[in-house]
Amino acid sequence: MQKDLETRFLSDFETNQNIAHKICRIYTTNKDAHNDLFQEITIQLWKNYPKFRGDSKFSTWMYRVALNTAISLYRKSTRRIKTQDISDFAYKIKGHEYDDTEEKQLASLYKAIHHLNDIDKALIFLYLEDKPYKEISETLGITSVNARVKMNRAKEKLKNILNP
């Protein structure tokens, strides 16, 4: 029984593990924090997998568990002393032919997303994943209409952050 549960979990997780990585990218600012959060999300998914009834898609359930884990750890981390990541100061050589415009735009977007509150971060993340509002509302436990309203407000906040 346990082996069958483990096999199903590993199959479902491997198919959808990019969800966890993307959430980690939104809620962390360096590789070590990313790895720590990914590990914690994986642990929470495994601990709660026996409770997964299949009422929704595994990916929807995974979004919910992963986002809740990230948000709760993020809230705990805001109580810690802020430190500067050394990679912010590291000297980096860029090739002449390399066009980093898209990378800079993504970095700006992620930096702006870090200024949003937890719910807005989750909304923007799911929106960027091209999730329909029905699935966004199910994942976050809000109505579809509320998801649309909050999304419009979150987009407006991002616009104001990116174009002050």
N, C-alpha and C. Protein backbone atom coordinates (compact mmCIF):
# COMPACT_ATOMS: atom_id res chain seq x y z
N MET A 1 0.83 -1.20 0.00
CA MET A 1 0.00 0.00 0.00
C MET A 1 0.87 1.25 0.00
N GLN A 2 1.86 1.31 0.91
CA GLN A 2 2.75 2.47 1.01
C GLN A 2 3.57 2.63 -0.28
N LYS A 3 4.03 1.52 -0.85
CA LYS A 3 4.83 1.57 -2.07
C LYS A 3 4.01 2.11 -3.23
N ASP A 4 2.74 1.70 -3.31
CA ASP A 4 1.84 2.17 -4.36
C ASP A 4 1.59 3.67 -4.21
N LEU A 5 1.39 4.12 -2.98
CA LEU A 5 1.18 5.54 -2.71
C LEU A 5 2.43 6.35 -3.10
N GLU A 6 3.58 5.82 -2.75
CA GLU A 6 4.83 6.48 -3.08
C GLU A 6 5.04 6.57 -4.60
N THR A 7 4.73 5.51 -5.30
CA THR A 7 4.87 5.49 -6.77
C THR A 7 3.94 6.50 -7.42
N ARG A 8 2.69 6.56 -6.96
CA ARG A 8 1.73 7.53 -7.51
C ARG A 8 2.19 8.96 -7.23
N PHE A 9 2.65 9.19 -5.99
CA PHE A 9 3.13 10.53 -5.64
C PHE A 9 4.30 10.94 -6.51
N LEU A 10 5.28 10.06 -6.64
CA LEU A 10 6.46 10.41 -7.45
C LEU A 10 6.09 10.70 -8.89
N SER A 11 5.18 9.93 -9.43
CA SER A 11 4.74 10.16 -10.80
C SER A 11 4.05 11.51 -10.94
N ASP A 12 3.10 11.79 -10.05
CA ASP A 12 2.39 13.07 -10.09
C ASP A 12 3.34 14.24 -9.86
N PHE A 13 4.24 14.08 -8.89
CA PHE A 13 5.17 15.16 -8.56
C PHE A 13 6.13 15.45 -9.70
N GLU A 14 6.71 14.40 -10.28
CA GLU A 14 7.66 14.61 -11.38
C GLU A 14 7.01 15.28 -12.57
N THR A 15 5.76 14.98 -12.82
CA THR A 15 5.04 15.61 -13.93
C THR A 15 4.81 17.09 -13.68
N ASN A 16 4.64 17.47 -12.44
CA ASN A 16 4.24 18.85 -12.10
C ASN A 16 5.26 19.62 -11.27
N GLN A 17 6.49 19.14 -11.15
CA GLN A 17 7.45 19.78 -10.25
C GLN A 17 7.83 21.20 -10.67
N ASN A 18 7.62 21.57 -11.93
CA ASN A 18 7.92 22.94 -12.35
C ASN A 18 7.04 23.95 -11.62
N ILE A 19 5.87 23.52 -11.20
CA ILE A 19 4.99 24.40 -10.41
C ILE A 19 5.74 24.86 -9.16
N ALA A 20 6.34 23.91 -8.47
CA ALA A 20 7.06 24.23 -7.23
C ALA A 20 8.26 25.14 -7.52
N HIS A 21 8.97 24.86 -8.60
CA HIS A 21 10.13 25.71 -8.93
C HIS A 21 9.70 27.14 -9.24
N LYS A 22 8.61 27.30 -9.94
CA LYS A 22 8.14 28.64 -10.29
C LYS A 22 7.68 29.41 -9.06
N ILE A 23 7.01 28.72 -8.16
CA ILE A 23 6.61 29.37 -6.91
C ILE A 23 7.84 29.76 -6.11
N CYS A 24 8.84 28.88 -6.08
CA CYS A 24 10.08 29.19 -5.37
C CYS A 24 10.74 30.43 -5.95
N ARG A 25 10.70 30.57 -7.26
CA ARG A 25 11.34 31.72 -7.91
C ARG A 25 10.64 33.02 -7.50
N ILE A 26 9.34 32.96 -7.35
CA ILE A 26 8.59 34.17 -6.99
C ILE A 26 8.82 34.55 -5.52
N TYR A 27 8.93 33.57 -4.65
CA TYR A 27 9.00 33.86 -3.21
C TYR A 27 10.42 33.87 -2.65
N THR A 28 11.44 33.62 -3.48
CA THR A 28 12.82 33.65 -2.98
C THR A 28 13.67 34.55 -3.85
N THR A 29 14.85 34.91 -3.33
CA THR A 29 15.73 35.82 -4.06
C THR A 29 17.11 35.23 -4.35
N ASN A 30 17.38 34.02 -3.85
CA ASN A 30 18.67 33.40 -4.16
C ASN A 30 18.51 31.89 -4.25
N LYS A 31 19.55 31.25 -4.77
CA LYS A 31 19.49 29.81 -5.05
C LYS A 31 19.30 28.97 -3.77
N ASP A 32 20.00 29.33 -2.70
CA ASP A 32 19.87 28.56 -1.46
C ASP A 32 18.45 28.62 -0.90
N ALA A 33 17.87 29.82 -0.90
CA ALA A 33 16.50 29.97 -0.41
C ALA A 33 15.54 29.22 -1.32
N HIS A 34 15.81 29.26 -2.62
CA HIS A 34 14.98 28.53 -3.59
C HIS A 34 15.00 27.04 -3.27
N ASN A 35 16.21 26.50 -3.07
CA ASN A 35 16.34 25.06 -2.77
C ASN A 35 15.67 24.70 -1.45
N ASP A 36 15.81 25.56 -0.45
CA ASP A 36 15.17 25.30 0.85
C ASP A 36 13.65 25.28 0.71
N LEU A 37 13.11 26.27 0.00
CA LEU A 37 11.66 26.34 -0.17
C LEU A 37 11.16 25.15 -1.00
N PHE A 38 11.90 24.79 -2.04
CA PHE A 38 11.50 23.64 -2.86
C PHE A 38 11.45 22.37 -2.01
N GLN A 39 12.44 22.21 -1.16
CA GLN A 39 12.47 21.04 -0.28
C GLN A 39 11.28 21.05 0.68
N GLU A 40 10.97 22.20 1.25
CA GLU A 40 9.85 22.30 2.18
C GLU A 40 8.52 22.02 1.47
N ILE A 41 8.37 22.54 0.26
CA ILE A 41 7.15 22.29 -0.52
C ILE A 41 7.02 20.80 -0.80
N THR A 42 8.12 20.17 -1.19
CA THR A 42 8.11 18.73 -1.48
C THR A 42 7.70 17.94 -0.23
N ILE A 43 8.24 18.31 0.91
CA ILE A 43 7.89 17.63 2.16
C ILE A 43 6.41 17.79 2.47
N GLN A 44 5.90 19.02 2.34
CA GLN A 44 4.49 19.27 2.63
C GLN A 44 3.57 18.51 1.66
N LEU A 45 3.98 18.46 0.40
CA LEU A 45 3.18 17.70 -0.58
C LEU A 45 3.13 16.22 -0.21
N TRP A 46 4.29 15.67 0.16
CA TRP A 46 4.34 14.25 0.52
C TRP A 46 3.53 13.97 1.79
N LYS A 47 3.67 14.85 2.79
CA LYS A 47 2.93 14.66 4.04
C LYS A 47 1.42 14.72 3.82
N ASN A 48 0.98 15.57 2.89
CA ASN A 48 -0.45 15.75 2.66
C ASN A 48 -1.01 14.91 1.53
N TYR A 49 -0.16 14.19 0.81
CA TYR A 49 -0.61 13.41 -0.34
C TYR A 49 -1.68 12.37 0.03
N PRO A 50 -1.57 11.69 1.18
CA PRO A 50 -2.63 10.74 1.53
C PRO A 50 -4.01 11.39 1.68
N LYS A 51 -4.04 12.69 1.95
CA LYS A 51 -5.31 13.41 2.11
C LYS A 51 -5.87 13.88 0.76
N PHE A 52 -5.05 13.81 -0.31
CA PHE A 52 -5.51 14.24 -1.63
C PHE A 52 -6.56 13.26 -2.13
N ARG A 53 -7.80 13.78 -2.29
CA ARG A 53 -8.93 12.92 -2.65
C ARG A 53 -9.15 12.84 -4.15
N GLY A 54 -8.52 13.73 -4.89
CA GLY A 54 -8.71 13.73 -6.34
C GLY A 54 -9.94 14.50 -6.77
N ASP A 55 -10.50 15.34 -5.88
CA ASP A 55 -11.66 16.16 -6.24
C ASP A 55 -11.29 17.19 -7.30
N SER A 56 -10.01 17.58 -7.31
CA SER A 56 -9.51 18.51 -8.32
C SER A 56 -8.30 17.86 -8.98
N LYS A 57 -7.76 18.54 -9.99
CA LYS A 57 -6.56 18.01 -10.62
C LYS A 57 -5.41 18.06 -9.61
N PHE A 58 -4.45 17.16 -9.78
CA PHE A 58 -3.29 17.15 -8.89
C PHE A 58 -2.58 18.49 -8.95
N SER A 59 -2.46 19.06 -10.15
CA SER A 59 -1.74 20.34 -10.29
C SER A 59 -2.42 21.46 -9.51
N THR A 60 -3.75 21.48 -9.49
CA THR A 60 -4.47 22.51 -8.74
C THR A 60 -4.21 22.34 -7.24
N TRP A 61 -4.28 21.10 -6.79
CA TRP A 61 -4.00 20.81 -5.38
C TRP A 61 -2.55 21.17 -5.04
N MET A 62 -1.64 20.87 -5.95
CA MET A 62 -0.23 21.15 -5.74
C MET A 62 0.01 22.66 -5.65
N TYR A 63 -0.65 23.44 -6.52
CA TYR A 63 -0.55 24.90 -6.44
C TYR A 63 -0.95 25.37 -5.05
N ARG A 64 -2.05 24.85 -4.57
CA ARG A 64 -2.59 25.31 -3.29
C ARG A 64 -1.63 24.99 -2.14
N VAL A 65 -1.14 23.76 -2.09
CA VAL A 65 -0.23 23.36 -1.02
C VAL A 65 1.08 24.15 -1.13
N ALA A 66 1.61 24.26 -2.35
CA ALA A 66 2.88 24.95 -2.55
C ALA A 66 2.77 26.44 -2.21
N LEU A 67 1.69 27.07 -2.65
CA LEU A 67 1.51 28.49 -2.34
C LEU A 67 1.34 28.72 -0.84
N ASN A 68 0.55 27.87 -0.19
CA ASN A 68 0.36 28.00 1.26
C ASN A 68 1.69 27.81 2.00
N THR A 69 2.49 26.85 1.56
CA THR A 69 3.80 26.62 2.18
C THR A 69 4.70 27.83 1.98
N ALA A 70 4.75 28.33 0.75
CA ALA A 70 5.61 29.49 0.44
C ALA A 70 5.17 30.72 1.24
N ILE A 71 3.88 30.95 1.29
CA ILE A 71 3.38 32.12 2.00
C ILE A 71 3.68 32.02 3.50
N SER A 72 3.46 30.85 4.08
CA SER A 72 3.72 30.73 5.52
C SER A 72 5.20 30.86 5.83
N LEU A 73 6.07 30.31 4.98
CA LEU A 73 7.52 30.46 5.21
C LEU A 73 7.96 31.89 4.95
N TYR A 74 7.35 32.54 3.95
CA TYR A 74 7.69 33.93 3.66
C TYR A 74 7.33 34.83 4.84
N ARG A 75 6.18 34.58 5.42
CA ARG A 75 5.77 35.38 6.58
C ARG A 75 6.71 35.19 7.76
N LYS A 76 7.18 33.95 7.95
CA LYS A 76 8.14 33.70 9.02
C LYS A 76 9.46 34.40 8.74
N SER A 77 9.86 34.42 7.46
CA SER A 77 11.16 35.00 7.11
C SER A 77 11.17 36.52 7.24
N THR A 78 10.01 37.15 7.19
CA THR A 78 9.98 38.61 7.32
C THR A 78 10.31 39.04 8.74
N ARG A 79 10.30 38.11 9.67
CA ARG A 79 10.66 38.41 11.05
C ARG A 79 12.16 38.34 11.28
N ARG A 80 12.90 37.83 10.29
CA ARG A 80 14.35 37.69 10.42
C ARG A 80 15.05 38.98 10.00
N ILE A 81 16.31 39.07 10.36
CA ILE A 81 17.13 40.20 9.96
C ILE A 81 17.44 40.07 8.47
N LYS A 82 17.27 41.15 7.74
CA LYS A 82 17.54 41.16 6.31
C LYS A 82 19.05 41.23 6.08
N THR A 83 19.53 40.40 5.14
CA THR A 83 20.94 40.43 4.76
C THR A 83 21.03 40.65 3.26
N GLN A 84 22.17 41.07 2.81
CA GLN A 84 22.38 41.32 1.38
C GLN A 84 23.01 40.08 0.77
N ASP A 85 22.49 39.65 -0.37
CA ASP A 85 23.02 38.49 -1.08
C ASP A 85 24.33 38.90 -1.75
N ILE A 86 25.37 38.11 -1.56
CA ILE A 86 26.68 38.45 -2.12
C ILE A 86 26.67 38.46 -3.64
N SER A 87 25.79 37.67 -4.24
CA SER A 87 25.74 37.64 -5.71
C SER A 87 25.29 38.97 -6.31
N ASP A 88 24.68 39.82 -5.48
CA ASP A 88 24.29 41.15 -5.97
C ASP A 88 25.52 41.99 -6.30
N PHE A 89 26.65 41.67 -5.68
CA PHE A 89 27.86 42.46 -5.86
C PHE A 89 28.91 41.76 -6.72
N ALA A 90 28.64 40.53 -7.09
CA ALA A 90 29.62 39.76 -7.86
C ALA A 90 29.81 40.37 -9.24
N TYR A 91 31.04 40.39 -9.68
CA TYR A 91 31.36 40.93 -11.01
C TYR A 91 31.00 39.87 -12.04
N LYS A 92 30.27 40.27 -13.06
CA LYS A 92 29.83 39.33 -14.09
C LYS A 92 30.25 39.84 -15.45
N ILE A 93 30.84 38.98 -16.25
CA ILE A 93 31.26 39.33 -17.60
C ILE A 93 30.19 38.85 -18.56
N LYS A 94 29.74 39.74 -19.41
CA LYS A 94 28.71 39.40 -20.39
C LYS A 94 29.35 39.43 -21.77
N GLY A 95 29.00 38.45 -22.60
CA GLY A 95 29.50 38.41 -23.98
C GLY A 95 28.91 39.53 -24.80
N HIS A 96 29.62 39.99 -25.80
CA HIS A 96 29.16 41.10 -26.63
C HIS A 96 27.91 40.73 -27.43
N GLU A 97 27.81 39.48 -27.88
CA GLU A 97 26.69 39.09 -28.71
C GLU A 97 25.44 38.73 -27.90
N TYR A 98 25.57 38.67 -26.62
CA TYR A 98 24.45 38.27 -25.77
C TYR A 98 23.50 39.45 -25.57
N ASP A 99 22.24 39.25 -25.88
CA ASP A 99 21.22 40.28 -25.67
C ASP A 99 20.44 39.91 -24.41
N ASP A 100 20.62 40.70 -23.38
CA ASP A 100 19.99 40.39 -22.09
C ASP A 100 18.72 41.19 -21.85
N THR A 101 18.14 41.74 -22.90
CA THR A 101 16.93 42.55 -22.74
C THR A 101 15.81 41.77 -22.08
N GLU A 102 15.55 40.58 -22.59
CA GLU A 102 14.47 39.76 -22.03
C GLU A 102 14.77 39.38 -20.58
N GLU A 103 16.01 39.05 -20.32
CA GLU A 103 16.41 38.68 -18.96
C GLU A 103 16.21 39.85 -18.00
N LYS A 104 16.55 41.07 -18.45
CA LYS A 104 16.37 42.26 -17.62
C LYS A 104 14.89 42.53 -17.38
N GLN A 105 14.08 42.32 -18.42
CA GLN A 105 12.64 42.53 -18.27
C GLN A 105 12.06 41.54 -17.27
N LEU A 106 12.49 40.28 -17.36
CA LEU A 106 12.02 39.28 -16.41
C LEU A 106 12.48 39.61 -14.99
N ALA A 107 13.73 40.04 -14.88
CA ALA A 107 14.25 40.41 -13.56
C ALA A 107 13.46 41.57 -12.98
N SER A 108 13.13 42.56 -13.83
CA SER A 108 12.32 43.70 -13.37
C SER A 108 10.93 43.24 -12.93
N LEU A 109 10.36 42.33 -13.71
CA LEU A 109 9.03 41.82 -13.37
C LEU A 109 9.07 41.08 -12.04
N TYR A 110 10.05 40.19 -11.85
CA TYR A 110 10.14 39.45 -10.59
C TYR A 110 10.42 40.39 -9.42
N LYS A 111 11.24 41.41 -9.65
CA LYS A 111 11.52 42.37 -8.59
C LYS A 111 10.24 43.11 -8.21
N ALA A 112 9.45 43.47 -9.21
CA ALA A 112 8.18 44.16 -8.94
C ALA A 112 7.22 43.22 -8.22
N ILE A 113 7.19 41.97 -8.61
CA ILE A 113 6.30 40.99 -7.98
C ILE A 113 6.65 40.83 -6.50
N HIS A 114 7.94 40.92 -6.17
CA HIS A 114 8.35 40.80 -4.77
C HIS A 114 7.78 41.91 -3.89
N HIS A 115 7.36 43.01 -4.49
CA HIS A 115 6.77 44.12 -3.73
C HIS A 115 5.28 43.92 -3.44
N LEU A 116 4.66 42.94 -4.10
CA LEU A 116 3.23 42.69 -3.91
C LEU A 116 2.98 41.90 -2.62
N ASN A 117 1.73 41.94 -2.15
CA ASN A 117 1.40 41.12 -0.99
C ASN A 117 1.25 39.66 -1.42
N ASP A 118 1.11 38.77 -0.46
CA ASP A 118 1.12 37.34 -0.73
C ASP A 118 0.03 36.90 -1.71
N ILE A 119 -1.17 37.37 -1.53
CA ILE A 119 -2.28 36.98 -2.40
C ILE A 119 -2.05 37.48 -3.82
N ASP A 120 -1.60 38.74 -3.94
CA ASP A 120 -1.35 39.30 -5.27
C ASP A 120 -0.22 38.53 -5.98
N LYS A 121 0.80 38.12 -5.22
CA LYS A 121 1.87 37.31 -5.81
C LYS A 121 1.30 36.01 -6.38
N ALA A 122 0.46 35.37 -5.60
CA ALA A 122 -0.13 34.10 -6.04
C ALA A 122 -1.00 34.32 -7.27
N LEU A 123 -1.80 35.38 -7.27
CA LEU A 123 -2.65 35.68 -8.42
C LEU A 123 -1.82 35.90 -9.68
N ILE A 124 -0.80 36.73 -9.59
CA ILE A 124 0.05 37.02 -10.74
C ILE A 124 0.74 35.75 -11.22
N PHE A 125 1.23 34.95 -10.28
CA PHE A 125 1.90 33.70 -10.65
C PHE A 125 0.96 32.80 -11.45
N LEU A 126 -0.23 32.59 -10.94
CA LEU A 126 -1.17 31.71 -11.63
C LEU A 126 -1.59 32.31 -12.97
N TYR A 127 -1.71 33.62 -13.03
CA TYR A 127 -2.04 34.30 -14.29
C TYR A 127 -0.93 34.10 -15.32
N LEU A 128 0.32 34.24 -14.88
CA LEU A 128 1.45 34.03 -15.78
C LEU A 128 1.56 32.58 -16.24
N GLU A 129 0.98 31.69 -15.47
CA GLU A 129 0.94 30.28 -15.85
C GLU A 129 -0.22 29.98 -16.80
N ASP A 130 -0.94 31.03 -17.21
CA ASP A 130 -2.10 30.90 -18.12
C ASP A 130 -3.22 30.05 -17.55
N LYS A 131 -3.39 30.13 -16.24
CA LYS A 131 -4.47 29.40 -15.60
C LYS A 131 -5.77 30.19 -15.78
N PRO A 132 -6.86 29.50 -16.08
CA PRO A 132 -8.15 30.20 -16.19
C PRO A 132 -8.60 30.70 -14.82
N TYR A 133 -9.44 31.73 -14.84
CA TYR A 133 -9.88 32.31 -13.57
C TYR A 133 -10.60 31.29 -12.69
N LYS A 134 -11.27 30.33 -13.31
CA LYS A 134 -11.95 29.29 -12.53
C LYS A 134 -10.93 28.50 -11.70
N GLU A 135 -9.82 28.12 -12.32
CA GLU A 135 -8.80 27.37 -11.60
C GLU A 135 -8.07 28.25 -10.58
N ILE A 136 -7.84 29.51 -10.92
CA ILE A 136 -7.21 30.44 -9.99
C ILE A 136 -8.09 30.58 -8.74
N SER A 137 -9.40 30.74 -8.97
CA SER A 137 -10.30 30.91 -7.82
C SER A 137 -10.35 29.65 -6.96
N GLU A 138 -10.33 28.47 -7.59
CA GLU A 138 -10.32 27.22 -6.83
C GLU A 138 -9.03 27.07 -6.03
N THR A 139 -7.92 27.41 -6.66
CA THR A 139 -6.62 27.27 -5.99
C THR A 139 -6.52 28.18 -4.78
N LEU A 140 -7.01 29.41 -4.92
CA LEU A 140 -6.89 30.38 -3.83
C LEU A 140 -8.08 30.39 -2.88
N GLY A 141 -9.12 29.65 -3.22
CA GLY A 141 -10.29 29.58 -2.35
C GLY A 141 -11.12 30.85 -2.35
N ILE A 142 -11.19 31.52 -3.50
CA ILE A 142 -12.01 32.72 -3.63
C ILE A 142 -12.93 32.55 -4.83
N THR A 143 -13.90 33.44 -4.98
CA THR A 143 -14.81 33.33 -6.12
C THR A 143 -14.11 33.78 -7.39
N SER A 144 -14.64 33.36 -8.51
CA SER A 144 -14.07 33.73 -9.80
C SER A 144 -14.13 35.24 -10.02
N VAL A 145 -15.24 35.84 -9.61
CA VAL A 145 -15.39 37.30 -9.75
C VAL A 145 -14.36 38.01 -8.88
N ASN A 146 -14.18 37.54 -7.67
CA ASN A 146 -13.20 38.12 -6.76
C ASN A 146 -11.79 37.98 -7.33
N ALA A 147 -11.51 36.84 -7.96
CA ALA A 147 -10.20 36.62 -8.57
C ALA A 147 -9.95 37.64 -9.68
N ARG A 148 -10.96 37.92 -10.50
CA ARG A 148 -10.82 38.90 -11.59
C ARG A 148 -10.58 40.31 -11.03
N VAL A 149 -11.33 40.66 -10.00
CA VAL A 149 -11.18 41.99 -9.41
C VAL A 149 -9.78 42.14 -8.81
N LYS A 150 -9.37 41.13 -8.02
CA LYS A 150 -8.05 41.18 -7.40
C LYS A 150 -6.95 41.19 -8.46
N MET A 151 -7.16 40.46 -9.56
CA MET A 151 -6.17 40.41 -10.63
C MET A 151 -6.01 41.79 -11.26
N ASN A 152 -7.10 42.46 -11.54
CA ASN A 152 -7.02 43.80 -12.13
C ASN A 152 -6.29 44.76 -11.19
N ARG A 153 -6.56 44.65 -9.91
CA ARG A 153 -5.87 45.51 -8.93
C ARG A 153 -4.38 45.17 -8.85
N ALA A 154 -4.07 43.88 -8.90
CA ALA A 154 -2.66 43.46 -8.85
C ALA A 154 -1.92 43.94 -10.10
N LYS A 155 -2.57 43.85 -11.25
CA LYS A 155 -1.94 44.33 -12.49
C LYS A 155 -1.68 45.84 -12.40
N GLU A 156 -2.62 46.55 -11.84
CA GLU A 156 -2.46 48.00 -11.69
C GLU A 156 -1.29 48.31 -10.75
N LYS A 157 -1.19 47.54 -9.66
CA LYS A 157 -0.07 47.74 -8.74
C LYS A 157 1.26 47.49 -9.45
N LEU A 158 1.30 46.43 -10.26
CA LEU A 158 2.54 46.12 -11.00
C LEU A 158 2.88 47.23 -11.97
N LYS A 159 1.88 47.75 -12.66
CA LYS A 159 2.11 48.87 -13.58
C LYS A 159 2.72 50.06 -12.85
N ASN A 160 2.18 50.36 -11.68
CA ASN A 160 2.66 51.50 -10.89
C ASN A 160 4.08 51.26 -10.38
N ILE A 161 4.39 50.02 -10.05
CA ILE A 161 5.74 49.69 -9.58
C ILE A 161 6.74 49.77 -10.74
N LEU A 162 6.35 49.23 -11.89
CA LEU A 162 7.26 49.18 -13.04
C LEU A 162 7.39 50.54 -13.74
N ASN A 163 6.34 51.35 -13.70
CA ASN A 163 6.34 52.66 -14.33
C ASN A 163 5.89 53.73 -13.34
N PRO A 164 6.76 54.09 -12.40
CA PRO A 164 6.34 55.03 -11.35
C PRO A 164 6.04 56.43 -11.90
